[in-house]
């Protein structure tokens, strides 16, 4: 592996997805004068301090007013700028949902809406801050591209792709600092083309965001028990290419795994694509139930909801048993 790339990979991992956002926007803004950044009183949390210092004329702290943030981003986009508007998922997507629908969905302004703390990333702040319904809230709105990177390298690639993409984008970030790396070497990131990280097996574990790493670990341990499973990284949740869908549908069963409600997220997206076929694999979902649990650390919430470690392995086994029993 190239030493410089290895150093970059390690640095991004230590920064986490939020830190990667700040570093990447600062890097892109040097060459692209159209890129600007907005936040709703979360400059530090969004790691936009460096951007604000380097490009004060292109940084806008709107205050605790997420609806205004999206509206102002729409105005900037209409004048040819490429605004990245960042906040917590439940604020930027749910509180400002009508504005997201109007400016991004209906008017198709070139806004890049970034959720820095989706899923359980806000930890002990609890259910008022968890972003577990954000994909569902966005995917029902036409014309918005949804990107959900699995690690910090993919986060950087997704940010670059979003900046180059002509149209509204929702970028979903989650996880802690020290984010584990899925990719150990460089690769090609293509919007709408999921990546099969482990190819052998009649079962397909289809994951997005943080759960990709945990599914890879689960697949290794399951293989030791004679259960072979593919692992897919679906980084785009609003479109999928035909070749990948064909390959995925060769599996006997698909189990989606996501740090989101079972309703309206990755599981719904994959199901909507697969059931267009007369013959398709059996489908099951691992994700959040429609209820509110006690708050906890990020790692605690992931374990309690069967999204990592032995809890995930056991839940995958449960789903396989359910499927094979049918």
C-alpha atoms as a PDB file:
ATOM      1  CA  UNK A   1       0.000   0.000   0.000  1.00  0.00           C
ATOM      2  CA  UNK A   2       1.200   3.508  -0.830  1.00  0.00           C
ATOM      3  CA  UNK A   3       2.573   5.100   2.364  1.00  0.00           C
ATOM      4  CA  UNK A   4       0.879   8.435   1.729  1.00  0.00           C
ATOM      5  CA  UNK A   5      -2.484   6.769   1.119  1.00  0.00           C
ATOM      6  CA  UNK A   6      -2.077   4.661   4.252  1.00  0.00           C
ATOM      7  CA  UNK A   7      -1.356   7.806   6.262  1.00  0.00           C
ATOM      8  CA  UNK A   8      -4.426   9.534   4.798  1.00  0.00           C
ATOM      9  CA  UNK A   9      -6.592   6.513   5.590  1.00  0.00           C
ATOM     10  CA  UNK A  10      -5.422   6.441   9.209  1.00  0.00           C
ATOM     11  CA  UNK A  11      -5.938  10.195   9.614  1.00  0.00           C
ATOM     12  CA  UNK A  12      -9.475  10.097   8.237  1.00  0.00           C
ATOM     13  CA  UNK A  13     -10.365   7.144  10.452  1.00  0.00           C
ATOM     14  CA  UNK A  14      -9.183   9.004  13.559  1.00  0.00           C
ATOM     15  CA  UNK A  15     -11.140  12.087  12.541  1.00  0.00           C
ATOM     16  CA  UNK A  16     -14.389  10.172  12.091  1.00  0.00           C
ATOM     17  CA  UNK A  17     -16.999  11.040   9.480  1.00  0.00           C
ATOM     18  CA  UNK A  18     -17.633  14.532  10.885  1.00  0.00           C
ATOM     19  CA  UNK A  19     -13.942  15.377  10.852  1.00  0.00           C
ATOM     20  CA  UNK A  20     -13.687  13.989   7.333  1.00  0.00           C
ATOM     21  CA  UNK A  21     -16.466  16.373   6.292  1.00  0.00           C
ATOM     22  CA  UNK A  22     -14.543  19.392   7.553  1.00  0.00           C
ATOM     23  CA  UNK A  23     -11.216  18.351   6.030  1.00  0.00           C
ATOM     24  CA  UNK A  24     -12.740  17.436   2.676  1.00  0.00           C
ATOM     25  CA  UNK A  25     -14.813  20.611   2.265  1.00  0.00           C
ATOM     26  CA  UNK A  26     -11.764  22.699   3.140  1.00  0.00           C
ATOM     27  CA  UNK A  27      -9.773  20.810   0.505  1.00  0.00           C
ATOM     28  CA  UNK A  28     -12.443  21.140  -2.210  1.00  0.00           C
ATOM     29  CA  UNK A  29     -13.068  24.835  -1.529  1.00  0.00           C
ATOM     30  CA  UNK A  30      -9.474  25.723  -2.406  1.00  0.00           C
ATOM     31  CA  UNK A  31     -10.063  24.891  -6.062  1.00  0.00           C
ATOM     32  CA  UNK A  32     -13.827  25.362  -6.308  1.00  0.00           C
ATOM     33  CA  UNK A  33     -14.900  28.894  -5.420  1.00  0.00           C
ATOM     34  CA  UNK A  34     -18.564  27.907  -5.659  1.00  0.00           C
ATOM     35  CA  UNK A  35     -18.479  25.631  -2.618  1.00  0.00           C
ATOM     36  CA  UNK A  36     -19.855  27.172   0.561  1.00  0.00           C
ATOM     37  CA  UNK A  37     -20.888  25.796   3.943  1.00  0.00           C
ATOM     38  CA  UNK A  38     -23.862  26.466   6.202  1.00  0.00           C
ATOM     39  CA  UNK A  39     -24.714  25.178   9.649  1.00  0.00           C
ATOM     40  CA  UNK A  40     -27.407  25.722  12.247  1.00  0.00           C
ATOM     41  CA  UNK A  41     -25.282  26.744  15.227  1.00  0.00           C
ATOM     42  CA  UNK A  42     -23.142  23.595  14.997  1.00  0.00           C
ATOM     43  CA  UNK A  43     -19.876  24.858  13.504  1.00  0.00           C
ATOM     44  CA  UNK A  44     -17.735  22.907  15.971  1.00  0.00           C
ATOM     45  CA  UNK A  45     -19.831  19.749  15.870  1.00  0.00           C
ATOM     46  CA  UNK A  46     -19.748  19.798  12.066  1.00  0.00           C
ATOM     47  CA  UNK A  47     -15.964  20.339  12.180  1.00  0.00           C
ATOM     48  CA  UNK A  48     -16.295  23.450  10.021  1.00  0.00           C
ATOM     49  CA  UNK A  49     -13.990  25.654  12.111  1.00  0.00           C
ATOM     50  CA  UNK A  50     -11.152  25.443   9.599  1.00  0.00           C
ATOM     51  CA  UNK A  51     -13.493  26.123   6.670  1.00  0.00           C
ATOM     52  CA  UNK A  52     -14.945  29.154   8.468  1.00  0.00           C
ATOM     53  CA  UNK A  53     -11.455  30.526   9.156  1.00  0.00           C
ATOM     54  CA  UNK A  54     -10.193  29.884   5.621  1.00  0.00           C
ATOM     55  CA  UNK A  55     -13.282  31.066   3.736  1.00  0.00           C
ATOM     56  CA  UNK A  56     -15.260  33.413   6.023  1.00  0.00           C
ATOM     57  CA  UNK A  57     -17.110  34.894   3.055  1.00  0.00           C
ATOM     58  CA  UNK A  58     -18.394  31.417   2.153  1.00  0.00           C
ATOM     59  CA  UNK A  59     -19.378  30.233   5.617  1.00  0.00           C
ATOM     60  CA  UNK A  60     -22.804  30.949   7.120  1.00  0.00           C
ATOM     61  CA  UNK A  61     -23.871  30.146  10.672  1.00  0.00           C
ATOM     62  CA  UNK A  62     -27.648  30.467  10.479  1.00  0.00           C
ATOM     63  CA  UNK A  63     -28.277  29.834  14.168  1.00  0.00           C
ATOM     64  CA  UNK A  64     -30.810  27.370  15.542  1.00  0.00           C
ATOM     65  CA  UNK A  65     -33.018  27.737  12.479  1.00  0.00           C
ATOM     66  CA  UNK A  66     -32.730  24.650  10.283  1.00  0.00           C
ATOM     67  CA  UNK A  67     -35.649  25.639   8.046  1.00  0.00           C
ATOM     68  CA  UNK A  68     -33.930  28.929   7.272  1.00  0.00           C
ATOM     69  CA  UNK A  69     -30.671  27.055   6.675  1.00  0.00           C
ATOM     70  CA  UNK A  70     -32.245  24.955   3.924  1.00  0.00           C
ATOM     71  CA  UNK A  71     -34.018  27.988   2.452  1.00  0.00           C
ATOM     72  CA  UNK A  72     -30.825  30.069   2.376  1.00  0.00           C
ATOM     73  CA  UNK A  73     -28.968  27.118   0.853  1.00  0.00           C
ATOM     74  CA  UNK A  74     -31.639  27.083  -1.847  1.00  0.00           C
ATOM     75  CA  UNK A  75     -31.044  30.751  -2.544  1.00  0.00           C
ATOM     76  CA  UNK A  76     -27.286  30.242  -2.777  1.00  0.00           C
ATOM     77  CA  UNK A  77     -27.771  27.266  -5.095  1.00  0.00           C
ATOM     78  CA  UNK A  78     -30.041  29.305  -7.353  1.00  0.00           C
ATOM     79  CA  UNK A  79     -27.168  31.788  -7.766  1.00  0.00           C
ATOM     80  CA  UNK A  80     -24.735  29.091  -8.846  1.00  0.00           C
ATOM     81  CA  UNK A  81     -23.099  28.193  -5.540  1.00  0.00           C
ATOM     82  CA  UNK A  82     -22.725  24.632  -4.230  1.00  0.00           C
ATOM     83  CA  UNK A  83     -23.955  24.848  -0.621  1.00  0.00           C
ATOM     84  CA  UNK A  84     -23.229  22.114   1.920  1.00  0.00           C
ATOM     85  CA  UNK A  85     -25.738  22.590   4.740  1.00  0.00           C
ATOM     86  CA  UNK A  86     -24.916  20.538   7.845  1.00  0.00           C
ATOM     87  CA  UNK A  87     -26.725  19.733  11.093  1.00  0.00           C
ATOM     88  CA  UNK A  88     -28.020  16.767  13.102  1.00  0.00           C
ATOM     89  CA  UNK A  89     -30.282  14.445  11.102  1.00  0.00           C
ATOM     90  CA  UNK A  90     -33.428  14.966  13.138  1.00  0.00           C
ATOM     91  CA  UNK A  91     -33.097  18.756  12.821  1.00  0.00           C
ATOM     92  CA  UNK A  92     -32.028  19.136   9.189  1.00  0.00           C
ATOM     93  CA  UNK A  93     -34.360  16.449   7.834  1.00  0.00           C
ATOM     94  CA  UNK A  94     -37.330  16.227  10.191  1.00  0.00           C
ATOM     95  CA  UNK A  95     -37.658  19.771  11.531  1.00  0.00           C
ATOM     96  CA  UNK A  96     -37.003  21.263   8.093  1.00  0.00           C
ATOM     97  CA  UNK A  97     -38.774  18.572   6.088  1.00  0.00           C
ATOM     98  CA  UNK A  98     -41.168  20.924   4.283  1.00  0.00           C
ATOM     99  CA  UNK A  99     -38.214  23.065   3.189  1.00  0.00           C
ATOM    100  CA  UNK A 100     -36.314  19.974   2.045  1.00  0.00           C
ATOM    101  CA  UNK A 101     -39.351  18.955   0.016  1.00  0.00           C
ATOM    102  CA  UNK A 102     -39.787  22.414  -1.497  1.00  0.00           C
ATOM    103  CA  UNK A 103     -36.224  23.489  -2.287  1.00  0.00           C
ATOM    104  CA  UNK A 104     -34.580  20.108  -2.882  1.00  0.00           C
ATOM    105  CA  UNK A 105     -37.386  17.888  -4.120  1.00  0.00           C
ATOM    106  CA  UNK A 106     -39.697  20.259  -5.965  1.00  0.00           C
ATOM    107  CA  UNK A 107     -37.327  23.008  -7.085  1.00  0.00           C
ATOM    108  CA  UNK A 108     -34.367  20.609  -7.441  1.00  0.00           C
ATOM    109  CA  UNK A 109     -31.870  23.179  -6.171  1.00  0.00           C
ATOM    110  CA  UNK A 110     -28.277  21.985  -6.045  1.00  0.00           C
ATOM    111  CA  UNK A 111     -28.208  21.674  -2.226  1.00  0.00           C
ATOM    112  CA  UNK A 112     -26.017  19.154  -0.414  1.00  0.00           C
ATOM    113  CA  UNK A 113     -27.780  18.469   2.888  1.00  0.00           C
ATOM    114  CA  UNK A 114     -25.459  16.753   5.365  1.00  0.00           C
ATOM    115  CA  UNK A 115     -26.543  14.986   8.542  1.00  0.00           C
ATOM    116  CA  UNK A 116     -23.482  14.714  10.761  1.00  0.00           C
ATOM    117  CA  UNK A 117     -25.092  12.617  13.512  1.00  0.00           C
ATOM    118  CA  UNK A 118     -27.501  10.139  11.998  1.00  0.00           C
ATOM    119  CA  UNK A 119     -28.446   6.903  13.696  1.00  0.00           C
ATOM    120  CA  UNK A 120     -27.202   6.643  17.280  1.00  0.00           C
ATOM    121  CA  UNK A 121     -24.199   8.934  16.822  1.00  0.00           C
ATOM    122  CA  UNK A 122     -25.417  11.471  19.390  1.00  0.00           C
ATOM    123  CA  UNK A 123     -25.098   8.812  22.086  1.00  0.00           C
ATOM    124  CA  UNK A 124     -26.278   9.918  25.523  1.00  0.00           C
ATOM    125  CA  UNK A 125     -28.224  12.876  24.115  1.00  0.00           C
ATOM    126  CA  UNK A 126     -30.954  10.323  23.548  1.00  0.00           C
ATOM    127  CA  UNK A 127     -34.087   9.879  21.480  1.00  0.00           C
ATOM    128  CA  UNK A 128     -34.659  13.591  20.909  1.00  0.00           C
ATOM    129  CA  UNK A 129     -31.377  13.640  18.966  1.00  0.00           C
ATOM    130  CA  UNK A 130     -31.192  10.186  17.344  1.00  0.00           C
ATOM    131  CA  UNK A 131     -31.663  10.199  13.575  1.00  0.00           C
ATOM    132  CA  UNK A 132     -33.453   6.909  12.966  1.00  0.00           C
ATOM    133  CA  UNK A 133     -36.175   8.045  10.552  1.00  0.00           C
ATOM    134  CA  UNK A 134     -34.190  10.377   8.288  1.00  0.00           C
ATOM    135  CA  UNK A 135     -33.866   8.103   5.244  1.00  0.00           C
ATOM    136  CA  UNK A 136     -37.599   7.406   5.355  1.00  0.00           C
ATOM    137  CA  UNK A 137     -38.321  11.145   5.503  1.00  0.00           C
ATOM    138  CA  UNK A 138     -36.084  11.903   2.521  1.00  0.00           C
ATOM    139  CA  UNK A 139     -36.691   8.908   0.253  1.00  0.00           C
ATOM    140  CA  UNK A 140     -40.401   9.734  -0.058  1.00  0.00           C
ATOM    141  CA  UNK A 141     -39.441  13.048  -1.666  1.00  0.00           C
ATOM    142  CA  UNK A 142     -38.649  12.832  -5.405  1.00  0.00           C
ATOM    143  CA  UNK A 143     -35.377  13.989  -7.000  1.00  0.00           C
ATOM    144  CA  UNK A 144     -33.041  13.690  -3.977  1.00  0.00           C
ATOM    145  CA  UNK A 145     -29.934  11.522  -4.208  1.00  0.00           C
ATOM    146  CA  UNK A 146     -29.231   9.713  -0.897  1.00  0.00           C
ATOM    147  CA  UNK A 147     -25.650   8.750  -0.014  1.00  0.00           C
ATOM    148  CA  UNK A 148     -24.739   6.703   3.075  1.00  0.00           C
ATOM    149  CA  UNK A 149     -20.969   6.017   3.277  1.00  0.00           C
ATOM    150  CA  UNK A 150     -19.645   3.114   5.337  1.00  0.00           C
ATOM    151  CA  UNK A 151     -16.332   4.553   6.548  1.00  0.00           C
ATOM    152  CA  UNK A 152     -14.252   7.729   6.397  1.00  0.00           C
ATOM    153  CA  UNK A 153     -12.575   6.995   3.072  1.00  0.00           C
ATOM    154  CA  UNK A 154     -15.982   6.457   1.506  1.00  0.00           C
ATOM    155  CA  UNK A 155     -17.238   9.587   3.260  1.00  0.00           C
ATOM    156  CA  UNK A 156     -14.571  11.613   1.493  1.00  0.00           C
ATOM    157  CA  UNK A 157     -15.421   9.993  -1.843  1.00  0.00           C
ATOM    158  CA  UNK A 158     -19.133  10.615  -1.267  1.00  0.00           C
ATOM    159  CA  UNK A 159     -18.533  14.298  -0.459  1.00  0.00           C
ATOM    160  CA  UNK A 160     -16.477  14.725  -3.623  1.00  0.00           C
ATOM    161  CA  UNK A 161     -19.150  12.918  -5.653  1.00  0.00           C
ATOM    162  CA  UNK A 162     -21.872  15.090  -4.098  1.00  0.00           C
ATOM    163  CA  UNK A 163     -19.972  18.267  -5.004  1.00  0.00           C
ATOM    164  CA  UNK A 164     -19.657  17.102  -8.610  1.00  0.00           C
ATOM    165  CA  UNK A 165     -23.256  15.887  -8.868  1.00  0.00           C
ATOM    166  CA  UNK A 166     -25.647  18.413 -10.373  1.00  0.00           C
ATOM    167  CA  UNK A 167     -28.705  18.131  -8.170  1.00  0.00           C
ATOM    168  CA  UNK A 168     -29.894  17.815  -4.554  1.00  0.00           C
ATOM    169  CA  UNK A 169     -28.059  15.329  -2.344  1.00  0.00           C
ATOM    170  CA  UNK A 170     -28.703  14.027   1.151  1.00  0.00           C
ATOM    171  CA  UNK A 171     -25.469  12.801   2.769  1.00  0.00           C
ATOM    172  CA  UNK A 172     -25.932  10.603   5.850  1.00  0.00           C
ATOM    173  CA  UNK A 173     -23.008  10.450   8.313  1.00  0.00           C
ATOM    174  CA  UNK A 174     -22.863   8.544  11.585  1.00  0.00           C
ATOM    175  CA  UNK A 175     -20.527   6.746  13.974  1.00  0.00           C
ATOM    176  CA  UNK A 176     -17.890   7.844  16.478  1.00  0.00           C
ATOM    177  CA  UNK A 177     -14.427   9.302  16.007  1.00  0.00           C
ATOM    178  CA  UNK A 178     -11.986   6.480  15.405  1.00  0.00           C
ATOM    179  CA  UNK A 179     -14.402   5.129  12.822  1.00  0.00           C
ATOM    180  CA  UNK A 180     -13.280   1.603  11.734  1.00  0.00           C
ATOM    181  CA  UNK A 181     -12.108   1.309   8.121  1.00  0.00           C
ATOM    182  CA  UNK A 182     -13.903  -0.996   5.710  1.00  0.00           C
ATOM    183  CA  UNK A 183     -11.563  -0.218   2.827  1.00  0.00           C
ATOM    184  CA  UNK A 184      -7.834  -0.804   3.211  1.00  0.00           C
ATOM    185  CA  UNK A 185      -6.936   0.345  -0.287  1.00  0.00           C
ATOM    186  CA  UNK A 186      -8.255   2.809  -2.829  1.00  0.00           C
ATOM    187  CA  UNK A 187     -11.264   1.927  -4.976  1.00  0.00           C
ATOM    188  CA  UNK A 188     -13.723   3.484  -7.421  1.00  0.00           C
ATOM    189  CA  UNK A 189     -16.845   5.053  -5.927  1.00  0.00           C
ATOM    190  CA  UNK A 190     -19.764   5.230  -8.355  1.00  0.00           C
ATOM    191  CA  UNK A 191     -23.115   6.759  -7.450  1.00  0.00           C
ATOM    192  CA  UNK A 192     -25.824   4.100  -7.640  1.00  0.00           C
ATOM    193  CA  UNK A 193     -23.429   1.135  -7.852  1.00  0.00           C
ATOM    194  CA  UNK A 194     -23.204  -0.906  -4.629  1.00  0.00           C
ATOM    195  CA  UNK A 195     -20.044  -2.873  -3.908  1.00  0.00           C
ATOM    196  CA  UNK A 196     -19.926  -6.589  -3.155  1.00  0.00           C
ATOM    197  CA  UNK A 197     -17.163  -6.863  -0.535  1.00  0.00           C
ATOM    198  CA  UNK A 198     -17.497 -10.615   0.010  1.00  0.00           C
ATOM    199  CA  UNK A 199     -18.813 -12.634  -2.903  1.00  0.00           C
ATOM    200  CA  UNK A 200     -19.240 -16.261  -1.824  1.00  0.00           C
ATOM    201  CA  UNK A 201     -22.471 -17.525  -0.295  1.00  0.00           C
ATOM    202  CA  UNK A 202     -26.161 -17.995  -1.083  1.00  0.00           C
ATOM    203  CA  UNK A 203     -27.129 -15.471   1.592  1.00  0.00           C
ATOM    204  CA  UNK A 204     -26.591 -11.771   0.901  1.00  0.00           C
ATOM    205  CA  UNK A 205     -26.027  -9.445   3.841  1.00  0.00           C
ATOM    206  CA  UNK A 206     -26.877  -6.026   2.442  1.00  0.00           C
ATOM    207  CA  UNK A 207     -25.727  -3.158   4.630  1.00  0.00           C
ATOM    208  CA  UNK A 208     -25.186   0.585   4.592  1.00  0.00           C
ATOM    209  CA  UNK A 209     -23.233   3.032   6.737  1.00  0.00           C
ATOM    210  CA  UNK A 210     -21.777   1.682   9.984  1.00  0.00           C
ATOM    211  CA  UNK A 211     -23.347  -1.764   9.612  1.00  0.00           C
ATOM    212  CA  UNK A 212     -21.151  -2.649   6.626  1.00  0.00           C
ATOM    213  CA  UNK A 213     -18.102  -3.109   8.860  1.00  0.00           C
ATOM    214  CA  UNK A 214     -20.061  -5.160  11.385  1.00  0.00           C
ATOM    215  CA  UNK A 215     -21.556  -7.366   8.658  1.00  0.00           C
ATOM    216  CA  UNK A 216     -18.072  -8.142   7.346  1.00  0.00           C
ATOM    217  CA  UNK A 217     -17.003  -9.234  10.828  1.00  0.00           C
ATOM    218  CA  UNK A 218     -20.191 -11.255  11.247  1.00  0.00           C
ATOM    219  CA  UNK A 219     -19.688 -12.979   7.884  1.00  0.00           C
ATOM    220  CA  UNK A 220     -16.192 -14.104   8.893  1.00  0.00           C
ATOM    221  CA  UNK A 221     -17.475 -15.714  12.089  1.00  0.00           C
ATOM    222  CA  UNK A 222     -20.498 -17.230  10.381  1.00  0.00           C
ATOM    223  CA  UNK A 223     -18.191 -18.856   7.816  1.00  0.00           C
ATOM    224  CA  UNK A 224     -16.476 -20.696  10.666  1.00  0.00           C
ATOM    225  CA  UNK A 225     -19.857 -22.270  11.421  1.00  0.00           C
ATOM    226  CA  UNK A 226     -20.423 -23.254   7.806  1.00  0.00           C
ATOM    227  CA  UNK A 227     -22.726 -20.333   6.959  1.00  0.00           C
ATOM    228  CA  UNK A 228     -21.382 -18.496   3.919  1.00  0.00           C
ATOM    229  CA  UNK A 229     -22.749 -15.033   3.249  1.00  0.00           C
ATOM    230  CA  UNK A 230     -22.019 -12.313   0.758  1.00  0.00           C
ATOM    231  CA  UNK A 231     -21.595  -8.776   2.087  1.00  0.00           C
ATOM    232  CA  UNK A 232     -22.800  -5.791   0.072  1.00  0.00           C
ATOM    233  CA  UNK A 233     -22.138  -2.123   0.740  1.00  0.00           C
ATOM    234  CA  UNK A 234     -25.101  -0.095  -0.537  1.00  0.00           C
ATOM    235  CA  UNK A 235     -23.807   3.475  -0.322  1.00  0.00           C
ATOM    236  CA  UNK A 236     -26.557   4.922  -2.535  1.00  0.00           C
ATOM    237  CA  UNK A 237     -30.112   4.473  -1.259  1.00  0.00           C
ATOM    238  CA  UNK A 238     -32.018   6.150  -4.073  1.00  0.00           C
ATOM    239  CA  UNK A 239     -30.807   4.278  -7.160  1.00  0.00           C
ATOM    240  CA  UNK A 240     -29.115   0.985  -8.038  1.00  0.00           C
ATOM    241  CA  UNK A 241     -27.591  -0.198 -11.312  1.00  0.00           C
ATOM    242  CA  UNK A 242     -29.116  -3.154 -13.169  1.00  0.00           C
ATOM    243  CA  UNK A 243     -26.003  -5.366 -13.123  1.00  0.00           C
ATOM    244  CA  UNK A 244     -25.674  -5.132  -9.337  1.00  0.00           C
ATOM    245  CA  UNK A 245     -29.368  -5.818  -8.835  1.00  0.00           C
ATOM    246  CA  UNK A 246     -29.166  -8.859 -11.113  1.00  0.00           C
ATOM    247  CA  UNK A 247     -26.189 -10.194  -9.168  1.00  0.00           C
ATOM    248  CA  UNK A 248     -27.882  -9.563  -5.833  1.00  0.00           C
ATOM    249  CA  UNK A 249     -31.030 -11.358  -6.955  1.00  0.00           C
ATOM    250  CA  UNK A 250     -29.045 -14.518  -7.691  1.00  0.00           C
ATOM    251  CA  UNK A 251     -28.939 -15.053  -3.919  1.00  0.00           C
ATOM    252  CA  UNK A 252     -31.404 -17.348  -2.205  1.00  0.00           C
ATOM    253  CA  UNK A 253     -32.076 -14.784   0.515  1.00  0.00           C
ATOM    254  CA  UNK A 254     -31.317 -11.133   1.217  1.00  0.00           C
ATOM    255  CA  UNK A 255     -30.978  -9.803   4.757  1.00  0.00           C
ATOM    256  CA  UNK A 256     -30.680  -6.023   5.025  1.00  0.00           C
ATOM    257  CA  UNK A 257     -28.884  -4.546   8.042  1.00  0.00           C
ATOM    258  CA  UNK A 258     -29.148  -0.865   8.915  1.00  0.00           C
ATOM    259  CA  UNK A 259     -28.781   1.708  11.698  1.00  0.00           C
ATOM    260  CA  UNK A 260     -32.267   3.036  10.910  1.00  0.00           C
ATOM    261  CA  UNK A 261     -35.886   2.033  11.380  1.00  0.00           C
ATOM    262  CA  UNK A 262     -36.873  -1.088   9.462  1.00  0.00           C
ATOM    263  CA  UNK A 263     -39.554   1.032   7.834  1.00  0.00           C
ATOM    264  CA  UNK A 264     -38.499   3.364   5.042  1.00  0.00           C
ATOM    265  CA  UNK A 265     -34.747   2.744   5.066  1.00  0.00           C
ATOM    266  CA  UNK A 266     -32.366   0.370   3.306  1.00  0.00           C
ATOM    267  CA  UNK A 267     -34.724  -2.579   3.742  1.00  0.00           C
ATOM    268  CA  UNK A 268     -37.556  -0.709   2.070  1.00  0.00           C
ATOM    269  CA  UNK A 269     -35.298   0.495  -0.747  1.00  0.00           C
ATOM    270  CA  UNK A 270     -33.966  -2.992  -1.538  1.00  0.00           C
ATOM    271  CA  UNK A 271     -37.430  -4.541  -1.275  1.00  0.00           C
ATOM    272  CA  UNK A 272     -38.867  -1.948  -3.674  1.00  0.00           C
ATOM    273  CA  UNK A 273     -36.177  -2.803  -6.224  1.00  0.00           C
ATOM    274  CA  UNK A 274     -36.302  -6.589  -5.857  1.00  0.00           C
ATOM    275  CA  UNK A 275     -40.084  -7.115  -5.886  1.00  0.00           C
ATOM    276  CA  UNK A 276     -40.307  -5.643  -9.380  1.00  0.00           C
ATOM    277  CA  UNK A 277     -39.221  -9.119 -10.495  1.00  0.00           C
ATOM    278  CA  UNK A 278     -41.623 -12.062 -10.763  1.00  0.00           C
ATOM    279  CA  UNK A 279     -39.032 -14.317  -9.125  1.00  0.00           C
ATOM    280  CA  UNK A 280     -36.811 -12.922  -6.398  1.00  0.00           C
ATOM    281  CA  UNK A 281     -34.919 -13.960  -3.246  1.00  0.00           C
ATOM    282  CA  UNK A 282     -36.581 -14.153   0.143  1.00  0.00           C
ATOM    283  CA  UNK A 283     -36.279 -10.885   2.036  1.00  0.00           C
ATOM    284  CA  UNK A 284     -35.685 -10.107   5.705  1.00  0.00           C
ATOM    285  CA  UNK A 285     -34.646  -6.962   7.603  1.00  0.00           C
ATOM    286  CA  UNK A 286     -32.472  -6.211  10.617  1.00  0.00           C
ATOM    287  CA  UNK A 287     -32.902  -2.710  11.932  1.00  0.00           C
ATOM    288  CA  UNK A 288     -34.735  -0.628  14.515  1.00  0.00           C
ATOM    289  CA  UNK A 289     -38.196  -1.611  15.723  1.00  0.00           C
ATOM    290  CA  UNK A 290     -40.970   1.044  15.911  1.00  0.00           C
ATOM    291  CA  UNK A 291     -40.324   1.919  19.563  1.00  0.00           C
ATOM    292  CA  UNK A 292     -38.120   4.150  21.720  1.00  0.00           C
ATOM    293  CA  UNK A 293     -35.506   2.561  23.966  1.00  0.00           C
ATOM    294  CA  UNK A 294     -33.423   4.040  26.761  1.00  0.00           C
ATOM    295  CA  UNK A 295     -30.548   6.276  25.710  1.00  0.00           C
ATOM    296  CA  UNK A 296     -26.977   5.038  25.799  1.00  0.00           C
ATOM    297  CA  UNK A 297     -23.579   5.338  24.198  1.00  0.00           C
ATOM    298  CA  UNK A 298     -23.261   4.725  20.469  1.00  0.00           C
ATOM    299  CA  UNK A 299     -21.719   1.284  21.002  1.00  0.00           C
ATOM    300  CA  UNK A 300     -24.339   0.326  23.600  1.00  0.00           C
ATOM    301  CA  UNK A 301     -27.227   1.272  21.296  1.00  0.00           C
ATOM    302  CA  UNK A 302     -25.708  -0.670  18.401  1.00  0.00           C
ATOM    303  CA  UNK A 303     -25.347  -3.798  20.545  1.00  0.00           C
ATOM    304  CA  UNK A 304     -28.793  -3.499  22.125  1.00  0.00           C
ATOM    305  CA  UNK A 305     -30.366  -3.324  18.684  1.00  0.00           C
ATOM    306  CA  UNK A 306     -28.489  -6.334  17.266  1.00  0.00           C
ATOM    307  CA  UNK A 307     -26.344  -4.279  14.902  1.00  0.00           C
ATOM    308  CA  UNK A 308     -22.856  -5.422  15.909  1.00  0.00           C
ATOM    309  CA  UNK A 309     -20.876  -8.275  17.437  1.00  0.00           C
ATOM    310  CA  UNK A 310     -22.470 -11.476  18.722  1.00  0.00           C
ATOM    311  CA  UNK A 311     -25.892  -9.821  18.877  1.00  0.00           C
ATOM    312  CA  UNK A 312     -25.778  -9.235  15.103  1.00  0.00           C
ATOM    313  CA  UNK A 313     -24.531 -12.769  14.429  1.00  0.00           C
ATOM    314  CA  UNK A 314     -27.352 -14.268  16.479  1.00  0.00           C
ATOM    315  CA  UNK A 315     -29.936 -12.078  14.772  1.00  0.00           C
ATOM    316  CA  UNK A 316     -28.646 -13.105  11.330  1.00  0.00           C
ATOM    317  CA  UNK A 317     -28.985 -16.743  12.393  1.00  0.00           C
ATOM    318  CA  UNK A 318     -32.522 -16.046  13.608  1.00  0.00           C
ATOM    319  CA  UNK A 319     -33.452 -14.530  10.264  1.00  0.00           C
ATOM    320  CA  UNK A 320     -31.951 -17.463   8.378  1.00  0.00           C
ATOM    321  CA  UNK A 321     -33.946 -19.893  10.523  1.00  0.00           C
ATOM    322  CA  UNK A 322     -37.116 -17.905   9.915  1.00  0.00           C
ATOM    323  CA  UNK A 323     -36.516 -17.929   6.185  1.00  0.00           C
ATOM    324  CA  UNK A 324     -35.576 -21.604   5.896  1.00  0.00           C
ATOM    325  CA  UNK A 325     -38.560 -22.582   8.028  1.00  0.00           C
ATOM    326  CA  UNK A 326     -41.007 -20.942   5.642  1.00  0.00           C
END
